[in-house]
Amino acid sequence: MKSAIRITSGVLVGAFCLGSALAQTPSGSYDPSGPLTRAQVRADLVAWRAAGYDPLDWLDYPDNAIRAGRIVAAQRAKAAGLSNGQ
């Protein structure tokens, strides 16, 4: 009886591990840009801080980060639209 329980639990654990391994997407498939350089990360931080993000403001953390991210994304979209001749 104990061996049947051990075999059944082993099969279940193996099935869960296999299922979770197959459910994961490859890490590079959704990020075609690749890793950023240190200078690019610093430029991003400067842009976010100029948009109003304060990394030391923990009280308003999710709101100010989302707001600054939207502002920076809008500025980059506008700059990309202007550089494409639109």
N, C-alpha and C. Protein backbone atom coordinates (compact mmCIF):
# COMPACT_ATOMS: atom_id res chain seq x y z
N MET A 1 0.81 -1.19 0.00
CA MET A 1 0.00 0.00 0.00
C MET A 1 0.86 1.26 0.00
N LYS A 2 1.93 1.27 0.80
CA LYS A 2 2.80 2.44 0.85
C LYS A 2 3.52 2.64 -0.47
N SER A 3 3.88 1.55 -1.14
CA SER A 3 4.58 1.70 -2.41
C SER A 3 3.64 2.26 -3.49
N ALA A 4 2.37 1.90 -3.45
CA ALA A 4 1.41 2.44 -4.42
C ALA A 4 1.23 3.93 -4.21
N ILE A 5 1.22 4.38 -2.97
CA ILE A 5 1.08 5.80 -2.66
C ILE A 5 2.32 6.56 -3.12
N ARG A 6 3.48 5.98 -2.89
CA ARG A 6 4.73 6.62 -3.31
C ARG A 6 4.81 6.70 -4.84
N ILE A 7 4.42 5.65 -5.52
CA ILE A 7 4.46 5.66 -6.98
C ILE A 7 3.47 6.70 -7.53
N THR A 8 2.28 6.74 -6.97
CA THR A 8 1.27 7.69 -7.42
C THR A 8 1.72 9.13 -7.17
N SER A 9 2.28 9.39 -6.01
CA SER A 9 2.74 10.75 -5.72
C SER A 9 3.93 11.11 -6.60
N GLY A 10 4.80 10.16 -6.89
CA GLY A 10 5.93 10.43 -7.78
C GLY A 10 5.48 10.75 -9.18
N VAL A 11 4.47 10.03 -9.66
CA VAL A 11 3.93 10.31 -11.00
C VAL A 11 3.28 11.68 -11.03
N LEU A 12 2.54 12.04 -9.99
CA LEU A 12 1.90 13.35 -9.95
C LEU A 12 2.91 14.49 -9.90
N VAL A 13 3.94 14.32 -9.08
CA VAL A 13 4.98 15.36 -9.00
C VAL A 13 5.69 15.50 -10.34
N GLY A 14 5.99 14.38 -10.97
CA GLY A 14 6.64 14.42 -12.28
C GLY A 14 5.76 15.10 -13.33
N ALA A 15 4.47 14.82 -13.29
CA ALA A 15 3.56 15.44 -14.25
C ALA A 15 3.47 16.94 -14.02
N PHE A 16 3.43 17.37 -12.75
CA PHE A 16 3.38 18.80 -12.47
C PHE A 16 4.67 19.50 -12.90
N CYS A 17 5.81 18.86 -12.66
CA CYS A 17 7.09 19.46 -13.07
C CYS A 17 7.17 19.57 -14.59
N LEU A 18 6.76 18.53 -15.28
CA LEU A 18 6.79 18.55 -16.74
C LEU A 18 5.82 19.60 -17.28
N GLY A 19 4.65 19.69 -16.69
CA GLY A 19 3.67 20.69 -17.13
C GLY A 19 4.16 22.11 -16.93
N SER A 20 4.79 22.37 -15.81
CA SER A 20 5.29 23.72 -15.57
C SER A 20 6.49 24.04 -16.47
N ALA A 21 7.31 23.05 -16.77
CA ALA A 21 8.44 23.28 -17.66
C ALA A 21 7.97 23.56 -19.08
N LEU A 22 6.93 22.90 -19.52
CA LEU A 22 6.42 23.12 -20.87
C LEU A 22 5.60 24.40 -20.96
N ALA A 23 5.07 24.88 -19.85
CA ALA A 23 4.24 26.08 -19.86
C ALA A 23 5.07 27.35 -19.93
N GLN A 24 6.35 27.28 -19.58
CA GLN A 24 7.19 28.47 -19.58
C GLN A 24 7.59 28.81 -21.00
N THR A 25 7.59 30.11 -21.29
CA THR A 25 8.00 30.57 -22.61
C THR A 25 9.51 30.78 -22.62
N PRO A 26 10.13 30.71 -23.76
CA PRO A 26 11.56 31.02 -23.84
C PRO A 26 11.81 32.46 -23.43
N SER A 27 12.92 32.71 -22.76
CA SER A 27 13.15 34.04 -22.19
C SER A 27 13.40 35.11 -23.24
N GLY A 28 13.93 34.77 -24.38
CA GLY A 28 14.25 35.78 -25.37
C GLY A 28 13.16 36.02 -26.39
N SER A 29 12.08 35.30 -26.35
CA SER A 29 11.09 35.41 -27.41
C SER A 29 10.29 36.70 -27.35
N TYR A 30 10.12 37.30 -26.19
CA TYR A 30 9.31 38.50 -26.07
C TYR A 30 10.14 39.77 -25.95
N ASP A 31 11.46 39.66 -25.93
CA ASP A 31 12.32 40.83 -25.80
C ASP A 31 13.33 40.85 -26.94
N PRO A 32 12.96 41.38 -28.08
CA PRO A 32 13.89 41.37 -29.20
C PRO A 32 15.01 42.39 -29.08
N SER A 33 14.91 43.31 -28.14
CA SER A 33 15.91 44.37 -28.04
C SER A 33 17.21 43.91 -27.39
N GLY A 34 17.17 42.87 -26.60
CA GLY A 34 18.38 42.39 -25.93
C GLY A 34 18.68 43.18 -24.67
N PRO A 35 19.79 42.89 -24.03
CA PRO A 35 20.13 43.57 -22.78
C PRO A 35 20.53 45.02 -23.01
N LEU A 36 20.27 45.85 -22.01
CA LEU A 36 20.61 47.26 -22.08
C LEU A 36 22.01 47.50 -21.53
N THR A 37 22.65 48.53 -22.03
CA THR A 37 23.95 48.92 -21.48
C THR A 37 23.72 49.77 -20.23
N ARG A 38 24.78 49.98 -19.50
CA ARG A 38 24.68 50.80 -18.29
C ARG A 38 24.29 52.23 -18.63
N ALA A 39 24.81 52.75 -19.74
CA ALA A 39 24.48 54.11 -20.16
C ALA A 39 22.99 54.22 -20.52
N GLN A 40 22.43 53.18 -21.14
CA GLN A 40 21.01 53.21 -21.50
C GLN A 40 20.14 53.18 -20.25
N VAL A 41 20.53 52.40 -19.25
CA VAL A 41 19.77 52.33 -18.00
C VAL A 41 19.83 53.67 -17.28
N ARG A 42 21.00 54.31 -17.27
CA ARG A 42 21.12 55.62 -16.64
C ARG A 42 20.28 56.67 -17.38
N ALA A 43 20.26 56.60 -18.71
CA ALA A 43 19.45 57.53 -19.49
C ALA A 43 17.97 57.31 -19.21
N ASP A 44 17.56 56.07 -19.05
CA ASP A 44 16.17 55.78 -18.69
C ASP A 44 15.83 56.37 -17.33
N LEU A 45 16.72 56.23 -16.37
CA LEU A 45 16.47 56.78 -15.04
C LEU A 45 16.37 58.30 -15.09
N VAL A 46 17.23 58.92 -15.87
CA VAL A 46 17.18 60.38 -16.00
C VAL A 46 15.85 60.80 -16.63
N ALA A 47 15.40 60.08 -17.65
CA ALA A 47 14.12 60.40 -18.30
C ALA A 47 12.96 60.21 -17.33
N TRP A 48 12.98 59.14 -16.56
CA TRP A 48 11.90 58.88 -15.60
C TRP A 48 11.89 59.95 -14.50
N ARG A 49 13.07 60.35 -14.02
CA ARG A 49 13.11 61.37 -12.97
C ARG A 49 12.66 62.72 -13.51
N ALA A 50 12.97 63.00 -14.78
CA ALA A 50 12.50 64.25 -15.40
C ALA A 50 10.98 64.23 -15.56
N ALA A 51 10.40 63.03 -15.69
CA ALA A 51 8.95 62.90 -15.83
C ALA A 51 8.24 62.90 -14.49
N GLY A 52 8.98 63.00 -13.39
CA GLY A 52 8.35 63.11 -12.08
C GLY A 52 8.51 61.90 -11.18
N TYR A 53 9.25 60.89 -11.60
CA TYR A 53 9.43 59.70 -10.76
C TYR A 53 10.50 59.97 -9.71
N ASP A 54 10.19 59.63 -8.47
CA ASP A 54 11.14 59.77 -7.37
C ASP A 54 11.34 58.39 -6.75
N PRO A 55 12.50 57.77 -6.92
CA PRO A 55 12.70 56.43 -6.38
C PRO A 55 12.67 56.36 -4.86
N LEU A 56 12.80 57.50 -4.19
CA LEU A 56 12.77 57.50 -2.73
C LEU A 56 11.37 57.72 -2.16
N ASP A 57 10.39 57.98 -3.02
CA ASP A 57 9.03 58.22 -2.57
C ASP A 57 8.29 56.88 -2.50
N TRP A 58 8.31 56.26 -1.35
CA TRP A 58 7.71 54.94 -1.18
C TRP A 58 6.21 55.02 -0.95
N LEU A 59 5.73 56.14 -0.49
CA LEU A 59 4.31 56.25 -0.20
C LEU A 59 3.46 56.24 -1.47
N ASP A 60 3.95 56.89 -2.51
CA ASP A 60 3.20 56.98 -3.77
C ASP A 60 3.82 56.09 -4.84
N TYR A 61 4.54 55.03 -4.44
CA TYR A 61 5.35 54.26 -5.36
C TYR A 61 4.62 53.75 -6.60
N PRO A 62 3.59 52.98 -6.52
CA PRO A 62 3.09 52.45 -7.79
C PRO A 62 2.52 53.54 -8.68
N ASP A 63 1.88 54.53 -8.08
CA ASP A 63 1.24 55.58 -8.88
C ASP A 63 2.26 56.45 -9.59
N ASN A 64 3.31 56.89 -8.88
CA ASN A 64 4.26 57.79 -9.53
C ASN A 64 5.11 57.05 -10.56
N ALA A 65 5.37 55.77 -10.36
CA ALA A 65 6.12 55.00 -11.35
C ALA A 65 5.29 54.79 -12.62
N ILE A 66 4.02 54.48 -12.46
CA ILE A 66 3.15 54.28 -13.62
C ILE A 66 2.99 55.58 -14.40
N ARG A 67 2.78 56.67 -13.67
CA ARG A 67 2.61 57.97 -14.32
C ARG A 67 3.87 58.37 -15.09
N ALA A 68 5.03 58.22 -14.46
CA ALA A 68 6.28 58.57 -15.14
C ALA A 68 6.54 57.66 -16.33
N GLY A 69 6.21 56.38 -16.20
CA GLY A 69 6.39 55.46 -17.31
C GLY A 69 5.53 55.83 -18.50
N ARG A 70 4.31 56.26 -18.24
CA ARG A 70 3.42 56.69 -19.33
C ARG A 70 3.94 57.96 -19.99
N ILE A 71 4.45 58.88 -19.20
CA ILE A 71 4.97 60.13 -19.75
C ILE A 71 6.19 59.85 -20.62
N VAL A 72 7.10 59.02 -20.14
CA VAL A 72 8.30 58.68 -20.91
C VAL A 72 7.93 57.93 -22.19
N ALA A 73 6.98 57.01 -22.10
CA ALA A 73 6.56 56.27 -23.29
C ALA A 73 5.92 57.22 -24.31
N ALA A 74 5.13 58.17 -23.85
CA ALA A 74 4.51 59.13 -24.77
C ALA A 74 5.57 60.01 -25.43
N GLN A 75 6.57 60.44 -24.66
CA GLN A 75 7.64 61.26 -25.21
C GLN A 75 8.43 60.48 -26.26
N ARG A 76 8.71 59.20 -25.98
CA ARG A 76 9.46 58.38 -26.93
C ARG A 76 8.64 58.10 -28.18
N ALA A 77 7.34 57.89 -28.02
CA ALA A 77 6.48 57.65 -29.18
C ALA A 77 6.41 58.91 -30.05
N LYS A 78 6.33 60.05 -29.41
CA LYS A 78 6.29 61.31 -30.15
C LYS A 78 7.61 61.53 -30.87
N ALA A 79 8.73 61.27 -30.22
CA ALA A 79 10.04 61.43 -30.84
C ALA A 79 10.22 60.45 -31.99
N ALA A 80 9.74 59.22 -31.83
CA ALA A 80 9.85 58.23 -32.90
C ALA A 80 8.96 58.61 -34.07
N GLY A 81 7.80 59.19 -33.80
CA GLY A 81 6.91 59.63 -34.87
C GLY A 81 7.49 60.80 -35.64
N LEU A 82 8.17 61.70 -34.96
CA LEU A 82 8.78 62.84 -35.62
C LEU A 82 10.01 62.43 -36.41
N SER A 83 10.75 61.44 -35.91
CA SER A 83 11.97 61.03 -36.61
C SER A 83 11.65 60.17 -37.84
N ASN A 84 10.44 59.59 -37.92
CA ASN A 84 10.05 58.81 -39.08
C ASN A 84 9.47 59.67 -40.19
N GLY A 85 9.44 60.97 -40.00
CA GLY A 85 8.95 61.87 -41.02
C GLY A 85 7.45 62.09 -40.98
N GLN A 86 6.81 61.77 -39.89
CA GLN A 86 5.36 61.95 -39.79
C GLN A 86 5.01 63.30 -39.22
